[in-house]
Amino acid sequence: MVRLTSKLTKAARALAGWTAADLSSVSGVAHDTIRSFESGRTKTLTAVNERAIVTAFDAAGIAFIPENGGGAGVRLKEK
């Protein structure tokens, strides 16, 4: 699993067309936690919250691309 960063989370939300409130609703992670992480006030998420966010994006068809020399990223899954 890719280690989430604030930039990856924001990029994934953009691909999904979600607000932070949408991500909170779908993942079950508190809106304040998501906003704090994305703003950089919080540097890491708990393992439970990170897994919930990744699972929510996965269900929405968003895949995280691991570091492969070109940097980690996000993309839409093939249908």
PDB file of N, CA and C in Angstrom:
ATOM      1  N   MET A   1       0.841  -1.180   0.000  1.00  0.00           N
ATOM      2  CA  MET A   1       0.000   0.000   0.000  1.00  0.00           C
ATOM      3  C   MET A   1       0.886   1.243   0.000  1.00  0.00           C
ATOM      4  N   VAL A   2       0.478   2.242  -0.732  1.00  0.00           N
ATOM      5  CA  VAL A   2       1.182   3.517  -0.793  1.00  0.00           C
ATOM      6  C   VAL A   2       0.949   4.283   0.496  1.00  0.00           C
ATOM      7  N   ARG A   3       1.988   4.919   0.995  1.00  0.00           N
ATOM      8  CA  ARG A   3       1.847   5.786   2.168  1.00  0.00           C
ATOM      9  C   ARG A   3       1.196   7.084   1.701  1.00  0.00           C
ATOM     10  N   LEU A   4       0.023   7.407   2.234  1.00  0.00           N
ATOM     11  CA  LEU A   4      -0.688   8.605   1.808  1.00  0.00           C
ATOM     12  C   LEU A   4       0.054   9.869   2.221  1.00  0.00           C
ATOM     13  N   THR A   5      -0.006  10.850   1.351  1.00  0.00           N
ATOM     14  CA  THR A   5       0.469  12.194   1.661  1.00  0.00           C
ATOM     15  C   THR A   5      -0.700  13.142   1.437  1.00  0.00           C
ATOM     16  N   SER A   6      -0.548  14.363   1.893  1.00  0.00           N
ATOM     17  CA  SER A   6      -1.624  15.334   1.691  1.00  0.00           C
ATOM     18  C   SER A   6      -1.862  15.565   0.205  1.00  0.00           C
ATOM     19  N   LYS A   7      -0.779  15.621  -0.581  1.00  0.00           N
ATOM     20  CA  LYS A   7      -0.922  15.862  -2.022  1.00  0.00           C
ATOM     21  C   LYS A   7      -1.616  14.701  -2.724  1.00  0.00           C
ATOM     22  N   LEU A   8      -1.261  13.468  -2.361  1.00  0.00           N
ATOM     23  CA  LEU A   8      -1.928  12.306  -2.966  1.00  0.00           C
ATOM     24  C   LEU A   8      -3.406  12.287  -2.618  1.00  0.00           C
ATOM     25  N   THR A   9      -3.726  12.622  -1.379  1.00  0.00           N
ATOM     26  CA  THR A   9      -5.128  12.625  -0.954  1.00  0.00           C
ATOM     27  C   THR A   9      -5.921  13.683  -1.711  1.00  0.00           C
ATOM     28  N   LYS A  10      -5.351  14.866  -1.852  1.00  0.00           N
ATOM     29  CA  LYS A  10      -6.032  15.933  -2.606  1.00  0.00           C
ATOM     30  C   LYS A  10      -6.199  15.545  -4.075  1.00  0.00           C
ATOM     31  N   ALA A  11      -5.163  14.935  -4.653  1.00  0.00           N
ATOM     32  CA  ALA A  11      -5.244  14.519  -6.061  1.00  0.00           C
ATOM     33  C   ALA A  11      -6.314  13.447  -6.247  1.00  0.00           C
ATOM     34  N   ALA A  12      -6.375  12.501  -5.321  1.00  0.00           N
ATOM     35  CA  ALA A  12      -7.391  11.450  -5.402  1.00  0.00           C
ATOM     36  C   ALA A  12      -8.796  12.037  -5.263  1.00  0.00           C
ATOM     37  N   ARG A  13      -8.951  12.998  -4.358  1.00  0.00           N
ATOM     38  CA  ARG A  13     -10.264  13.651  -4.222  1.00  0.00           C
ATOM     39  C   ARG A  13     -10.648  14.358  -5.508  1.00  0.00           C
ATOM     40  N   ALA A  14      -9.673  15.005  -6.150  1.00  0.00           N
ATOM     41  CA  ALA A  14      -9.964  15.706  -7.401  1.00  0.00           C
ATOM     42  C   ALA A  14     -10.417  14.721  -8.472  1.00  0.00           C
ATOM     43  N   LEU A  15      -9.739  13.583  -8.585  1.00  0.00           N
ATOM     44  CA  LEU A  15     -10.148  12.573  -9.572  1.00  0.00           C
ATOM     45  C   LEU A  15     -11.546  12.032  -9.283  1.00  0.00           C
ATOM     46  N   ALA A  16     -11.857  11.867  -8.006  1.00  0.00           N
ATOM     47  CA  ALA A  16     -13.176  11.351  -7.624  1.00  0.00           C
ATOM     48  C   ALA A  16     -14.256  12.428  -7.696  1.00  0.00           C
ATOM     49  N   GLY A  17     -13.833  13.702  -7.736  1.00  0.00           N
ATOM     50  CA  GLY A  17     -14.799  14.796  -7.732  1.00  0.00           C
ATOM     51  C   GLY A  17     -15.408  15.003  -6.359  1.00  0.00           C
ATOM     52  N   TRP A  18     -14.643  14.680  -5.318  1.00  0.00           N
ATOM     53  CA  TRP A  18     -15.131  14.749  -3.951  1.00  0.00           C
ATOM     54  C   TRP A  18     -14.586  15.966  -3.221  1.00  0.00           C
ATOM     55  N   THR A  19     -15.397  16.492  -2.323  1.00  0.00           N
ATOM     56  CA  THR A  19     -14.927  17.470  -1.351  1.00  0.00           C
ATOM     57  C   THR A  19     -14.350  16.691  -0.169  1.00  0.00           C
ATOM     58  N   ALA A  20     -13.717  17.401   0.745  1.00  0.00           N
ATOM     59  CA  ALA A  20     -13.229  16.748   1.962  1.00  0.00           C
ATOM     60  C   ALA A  20     -14.405  16.172   2.755  1.00  0.00           C
ATOM     61  N   ALA A  21     -15.542  16.870   2.728  1.00  0.00           N
ATOM     62  CA  ALA A  21     -16.738  16.371   3.425  1.00  0.00           C
ATOM     63  C   ALA A  21     -17.237  15.076   2.781  1.00  0.00           C
ATOM     64  N   ASP A  22     -17.168  14.991   1.452  1.00  0.00           N
ATOM     65  CA  ASP A  22     -17.563  13.755   0.759  1.00  0.00           C
ATOM     66  C   ASP A  22     -16.669  12.591   1.189  1.00  0.00           C
ATOM     67  N   LEU A  23     -15.351  12.840   1.191  1.00  0.00           N
ATOM     68  CA  LEU A  23     -14.413  11.795   1.600  1.00  0.00           C
ATOM     69  C   LEU A  23     -14.677  11.363   3.031  1.00  0.00           C
ATOM     70  N   SER A  24     -14.957  12.301   3.891  1.00  0.00           N
ATOM     71  CA  SER A  24     -15.278  11.990   5.281  1.00  0.00           C
ATOM     72  C   SER A  24     -16.505  11.089   5.362  1.00  0.00           C
ATOM     73  N   SER A  25     -17.533  11.436   4.613  1.00  0.00           N
ATOM     74  CA  SER A  25     -18.773  10.679   4.629  1.00  0.00           C
ATOM     75  C   SER A  25     -18.567   9.250   4.121  1.00  0.00           C
ATOM     76  N   VAL A  26     -17.824   9.112   3.036  1.00  0.00           N
ATOM     77  CA  VAL A  26     -17.627   7.796   2.427  1.00  0.00           C
ATOM     78  C   VAL A  26     -16.666   6.934   3.246  1.00  0.00           C
ATOM     79  N   SER A  27     -15.628   7.538   3.795  1.00  0.00           N
ATOM     80  CA  SER A  27     -14.592   6.771   4.499  1.00  0.00           C
ATOM     81  C   SER A  27     -14.884   6.561   5.982  1.00  0.00           C
ATOM     82  N   GLY A  28     -15.706   7.434   6.564  1.00  0.00           N
ATOM     83  CA  GLY A  28     -15.952   7.368   7.997  1.00  0.00           C
ATOM     84  C   GLY A  28     -14.870   8.047   8.821  1.00  0.00           C
ATOM     85  N   VAL A  29     -13.929   8.714   8.159  1.00  0.00           N
ATOM     86  CA  VAL A  29     -12.877   9.454   8.849  1.00  0.00           C
ATOM     87  C   VAL A  29     -13.391  10.873   9.103  1.00  0.00           C
ATOM     88  N   ALA A  30     -13.150  11.387  10.277  1.00  0.00           N
ATOM     89  CA  ALA A  30     -13.660  12.706  10.640  1.00  0.00           C
ATOM     90  C   ALA A  30     -13.199  13.781   9.657  1.00  0.00           C
ATOM     91  N   HIS A  31     -14.111  14.669   9.319  1.00  0.00           N
ATOM     92  CA  HIS A  31     -13.808  15.764   8.401  1.00  0.00           C
ATOM     93  C   HIS A  31     -12.620  16.582   8.907  1.00  0.00           C
ATOM     94  N   ASP A  32     -12.591  16.871  10.193  1.00  0.00           N
ATOM     95  CA  ASP A  32     -11.483  17.639  10.770  1.00  0.00           C
ATOM     96  C   ASP A  32     -10.154  16.916  10.605  1.00  0.00           C
ATOM     97  N   THR A  33     -10.155  15.601  10.700  1.00  0.00           N
ATOM     98  CA  THR A  33      -8.929  14.815  10.519  1.00  0.00           C
ATOM     99  C   THR A  33      -8.431  14.942   9.082  1.00  0.00           C
ATOM    100  N   ILE A  34      -9.335  14.853   8.133  1.00  0.00           N
ATOM    101  CA  ILE A  34      -8.965  14.975   6.719  1.00  0.00           C
ATOM    102  C   ILE A  34      -8.429  16.370   6.430  1.00  0.00           C
ATOM    103  N   ARG A  35      -9.117  17.389   6.902  1.00  0.00           N
ATOM    104  CA  ARG A  35      -8.669  18.773   6.660  1.00  0.00           C
ATOM    105  C   ARG A  35      -7.319  19.042   7.321  1.00  0.00           C
ATOM    106  N   SER A  36      -7.122  18.540   8.504  1.00  0.00           N
ATOM    107  CA  SER A  36      -5.859  18.728   9.212  1.00  0.00           C
ATOM    108  C   SER A  36      -4.714  18.043   8.471  1.00  0.00           C
ATOM    109  N   PHE A  37      -4.959  16.843   7.981  1.00  0.00           N
ATOM    110  CA  PHE A  37      -3.946  16.105   7.230  1.00  0.00           C
ATOM    111  C   PHE A  37      -3.623  16.808   5.911  1.00  0.00           C
ATOM    112  N   GLU A  38      -4.655  17.196   5.186  1.00  0.00           N
ATOM    113  CA  GLU A  38      -4.434  17.836   3.888  1.00  0.00           C
ATOM    114  C   GLU A  38      -3.756  19.200   4.012  1.00  0.00           C
ATOM    115  N   SER A  39      -3.974  19.885   5.118  1.00  0.00           N
ATOM    116  CA  SER A  39      -3.355  21.205   5.297  1.00  0.00           C
ATOM    117  C   SER A  39      -1.926  21.103   5.818  1.00  0.00           C
ATOM    118  N   GLY A  40      -1.539  19.924   6.275  1.00  0.00           N
ATOM    119  CA  GLY A  40      -0.198  19.750   6.805  1.00  0.00           C
ATOM    120  C   GLY A  40      -0.094  19.921   8.311  1.00  0.00           C
ATOM    121  N   ARG A  41      -1.200  20.276   8.966  1.00  0.00           N
ATOM    122  CA  ARG A  41      -1.169  20.406  10.433  1.00  0.00           C
ATOM    123  C   ARG A  41      -0.877  19.062  11.077  1.00  0.00           C
ATOM    124  N   THR A  42      -1.398  17.989  10.471  1.00  0.00           N
ATOM    125  CA  THR A  42      -1.125  16.624  10.903  1.00  0.00           C
ATOM    126  C   THR A  42      -0.303  15.971   9.803  1.00  0.00           C
ATOM    127  N   LYS A  43       0.843  15.410  10.156  1.00  0.00           N
ATOM    128  CA  LYS A  43       1.753  14.843   9.149  1.00  0.00           C
ATOM    129  C   LYS A  43       1.396  13.420   8.734  1.00  0.00           C
ATOM    130  N   THR A  44       0.795  12.653   9.636  1.00  0.00           N
ATOM    131  CA  THR A  44       0.450  11.266   9.325  1.00  0.00           C
ATOM    132  C   THR A  44      -0.951  10.955   9.820  1.00  0.00           C
ATOM    133  N   LEU A  45      -1.505   9.903   9.271  1.00  0.00           N
ATOM    134  CA  LEU A  45      -2.810   9.395   9.693  1.00  0.00           C
ATOM    135  C   LEU A  45      -2.601   8.111  10.477  1.00  0.00           C
ATOM    136  N   THR A  46      -3.552   7.763  11.308  1.00  0.00           N
ATOM    137  CA  THR A  46      -3.486   6.447  11.948  1.00  0.00           C
ATOM    138  C   THR A  46      -3.643   5.395  10.852  1.00  0.00           C
ATOM    139  N   ALA A  47      -3.168   4.193  11.119  1.00  0.00           N
ATOM    140  CA  ALA A  47      -3.284   3.107  10.145  1.00  0.00           C
ATOM    141  C   ALA A  47      -4.751   2.833   9.798  1.00  0.00           C
ATOM    142  N   VAL A  48      -5.610   2.913  10.796  1.00  0.00           N
ATOM    143  CA  VAL A  48      -7.046   2.671  10.573  1.00  0.00           C
ATOM    144  C   VAL A  48      -7.630   3.733   9.641  1.00  0.00           C
ATOM    145  N   ASN A  49      -7.311   5.014   9.887  1.00  0.00           N
ATOM    146  CA  ASN A  49      -7.837   6.086   9.042  1.00  0.00           C
ATOM    147  C   ASN A  49      -7.263   6.015   7.632  1.00  0.00           C
ATOM    148  N   GLU A  50      -5.976   5.716   7.527  1.00  0.00           N
ATOM    149  CA  GLU A  50      -5.364   5.614   6.196  1.00  0.00           C
ATOM    150  C   GLU A  50      -6.010   4.483   5.391  1.00  0.00           C
ATOM    151  N   ARG A  51      -6.218   3.352   6.030  1.00  0.00           N
ATOM    152  CA  ARG A  51      -6.847   2.216   5.356  1.00  0.00           C
ATOM    153  C   ARG A  51      -8.274   2.562   4.934  1.00  0.00           C
ATOM    154  N   ALA A  52      -9.018   3.264   5.780  1.00  0.00           N
ATOM    155  CA  ALA A  52     -10.400   3.648   5.452  1.00  0.00           C
ATOM    156  C   ALA A  52     -10.436   4.586   4.246  1.00  0.00           C
ATOM    157  N   ILE A  53      -9.501   5.515   4.189  1.00  0.00           N
ATOM    158  CA  ILE A  53      -9.448   6.456   3.065  1.00  0.00           C
ATOM    159  C   ILE A  53      -9.074   5.730   1.771  1.00  0.00           C
ATOM    160  N   VAL A  54      -8.062   4.884   1.832  1.00  0.00           N
ATOM    161  CA  VAL A  54      -7.642   4.136   0.641  1.00  0.00           C
ATOM    162  C   VAL A  54      -8.784   3.233   0.157  1.00  0.00           C
ATOM    163  N   THR A  55      -9.475   2.594   1.081  1.00  0.00           N
ATOM    164  CA  THR A  55     -10.598   1.719   0.720  1.00  0.00           C
ATOM    165  C   THR A  55     -11.718   2.511   0.049  1.00  0.00           C
ATOM    166  N   ALA A  56     -11.998   3.695   0.556  1.00  0.00           N
ATOM    167  CA  ALA A  56     -13.044   4.544  -0.041  1.00  0.00           C
ATOM    168  C   ALA A  56     -12.669   4.936  -1.465  1.00  0.00           C
ATOM    169  N   PHE A  57     -11.427   5.336  -1.664  1.00  0.00           N
ATOM    170  CA  PHE A  57     -10.988   5.697  -3.017  1.00  0.00           C
ATOM    171  C   PHE A  57     -10.995   4.476  -3.938  1.00  0.00           C
ATOM    172  N   ASP A  58     -10.571   3.337  -3.425  1.00  0.00           N
ATOM    173  CA  ASP A  58     -10.567   2.107  -4.220  1.00  0.00           C
ATOM    174  C   ASP A  58     -11.977   1.787  -4.719  1.00  0.00           C
ATOM    175  N   ALA A  59     -12.954   1.916  -3.837  1.00  0.00           N
ATOM    176  CA  ALA A  59     -14.345   1.651  -4.220  1.00  0.00           C
ATOM    177  C   ALA A  59     -14.847   2.650  -5.257  1.00  0.00           C
ATOM    178  N   ALA A  60     -14.257   3.844  -5.279  1.00  0.00           N
ATOM    179  CA  ALA A  60     -14.651   4.882  -6.243  1.00  0.00           C
ATOM    180  C   ALA A  60     -13.870   4.764  -7.558  1.00  0.00           C
ATOM    181  N   GLY A  61     -13.006   3.752  -7.657  1.00  0.00           N
ATOM    182  CA  GLY A  61     -12.268   3.549  -8.902  1.00  0.00           C
ATOM    183  C   GLY A  61     -10.975   4.332  -8.998  1.00  0.00           C
ATOM    184  N   ILE A  62     -10.425   4.724  -7.853  1.00  0.00           N
ATOM    185  CA  ILE A  62      -9.174   5.465  -7.812  1.00  0.00           C
ATOM    186  C   ILE A  62      -8.082   4.527  -7.310  1.00  0.00           C
ATOM    187  N   ALA A  63      -6.969   4.454  -8.037  1.00  0.00           N
ATOM    188  CA  ALA A  63      -5.842   3.600  -7.645  1.00  0.00           C
ATOM    189  C   ALA A  63      -4.648   4.466  -7.289  1.00  0.00           C
ATOM    190  N   PHE A  64      -3.951   4.064  -6.253  1.00  0.00           N
ATOM    191  CA  PHE A  64      -2.710   4.726  -5.873  1.00  0.00           C
ATOM    192  C   PHE A  64      -1.554   3.989  -6.527  1.00  0.00           C
ATOM    193  N   ILE A  65      -0.637   4.738  -7.096  1.00  0.00           N
ATOM    194  CA  ILE A  65       0.513   4.176  -7.796  1.00  0.00           C
ATOM    195  C   ILE A  65       1.716   4.287  -6.862  1.00  0.00           C
ATOM    196  N   PRO A  66       2.367   3.149  -6.560  1.00  0.00           N
ATOM    197  CA  PRO A  66       3.510   3.216  -5.665  1.00  0.00           C
ATOM    198  C   PRO A  66       4.699   3.932  -6.304  1.00  0.00           C
ATOM    199  N   GLU A  67       5.601   4.362  -5.449  1.00  0.00           N
ATOM    200  CA  GLU A  67       6.858   4.973  -5.878  1.00  0.00           C
ATOM    201  C   GLU A  67       7.582   3.981  -6.791  1.00  0.00           C
ATOM    202  N   ASN A  68       7.940   4.451  -7.967  1.00  0.00           N
ATOM    203  CA  ASN A  68       8.634   3.572  -8.915  1.00  0.00           C
ATOM    204  C   ASN A  68       9.791   4.305  -9.577  1.00  0.00           C
ATOM    205  N   GLY A  69      10.352   5.241  -8.876  1.00  0.00           N
ATOM    206  CA  GLY A  69      11.426   6.045  -9.445  1.00  0.00           C
ATOM    207  C   GLY A  69      10.918   7.356 -10.010  1.00  0.00           C
ATOM    208  N   GLY A  70       9.634   7.420 -10.308  1.00  0.00           N
ATOM    209  CA  GLY A  70       9.044   8.633 -10.850  1.00  0.00           C
ATOM    210  C   GLY A  70       8.125   9.319  -9.865  1.00  0.00           C
ATOM    211  N   GLY A  71       8.031   8.777  -8.667  1.00  0.00           N
ATOM    212  CA  GLY A  71       7.160   9.355  -7.652  1.00  0.00           C
ATOM    213  C   GLY A  71       5.837   8.625  -7.572  1.00  0.00           C
ATOM    214  N   ALA A  72       5.266   8.626  -6.393  1.00  0.00           N
ATOM    215  CA  ALA A  72       3.952   8.024  -6.185  1.00  0.00           C
ATOM    216  C   ALA A  72       2.895   8.874  -6.873  1.00  0.00           C
ATOM    217  N   GLY A  73       1.739   8.290  -7.146  1.00  0.00           N
ATOM    218  CA  GLY A  73       0.682   9.041  -7.800  1.00  0.00           C
ATOM    219  C   GLY A  73      -0.669   8.373  -7.653  1.00  0.00           C
ATOM    220  N   VAL A  74      -1.651   8.909  -8.363  1.00  0.00           N
ATOM    221  CA  VAL A  74      -3.006   8.353  -8.383  1.00  0.00           C
ATOM    222  C   VAL A  74      -3.486   8.312  -9.811  1.00  0.00           C
ATOM    223  N   ARG A  75      -4.390   7.395 -10.082  1.00  0.00           N
ATOM    224  CA  ARG A  75      -4.990   7.323 -11.407  1.00  0.00           C
ATOM    225  C   ARG A  75      -6.342   6.650 -11.310  1.00  0.00           C
ATOM    226  N   LEU A  76      -7.125   6.809 -12.375  1.00  0.00           N
ATOM    227  CA  LEU A  76      -8.390   6.104 -12.467  1.00  0.00           C
ATOM    228  C   LEU A  76      -8.113   4.652 -12.854  1.00  0.00           C
ATOM    229  N   LYS A  77      -8.838   3.737 -12.245  1.00  0.00           N
ATOM    230  CA  LYS A  77      -8.679   2.312 -12.591  1.00  0.00           C
ATOM    231  C   LYS A  77      -9.323   2.061 -13.944  1.00  0.00           C
ATOM    232  N   GLU A  78      -8.815   1.040 -14.624  1.00  0.00           N
ATOM    233  CA  GLU A  78      -9.459   0.620 -15.867  1.00  0.00           C
ATOM    234  C   GLU A  78     -10.812   0.034 -15.531  1.00  0.00           C
ATOM    235  N   LYS A  79     -11.757   0.259 -16.418  1.00  0.00           N
ATOM    236  CA  LYS A  79     -13.102  -0.268 -16.178  1.00  0.00           C
ATOM    237  C   LYS A  79     -13.246  -1.609 -16.815  1.00  0.00           C
TER     238      LYS A  79
END
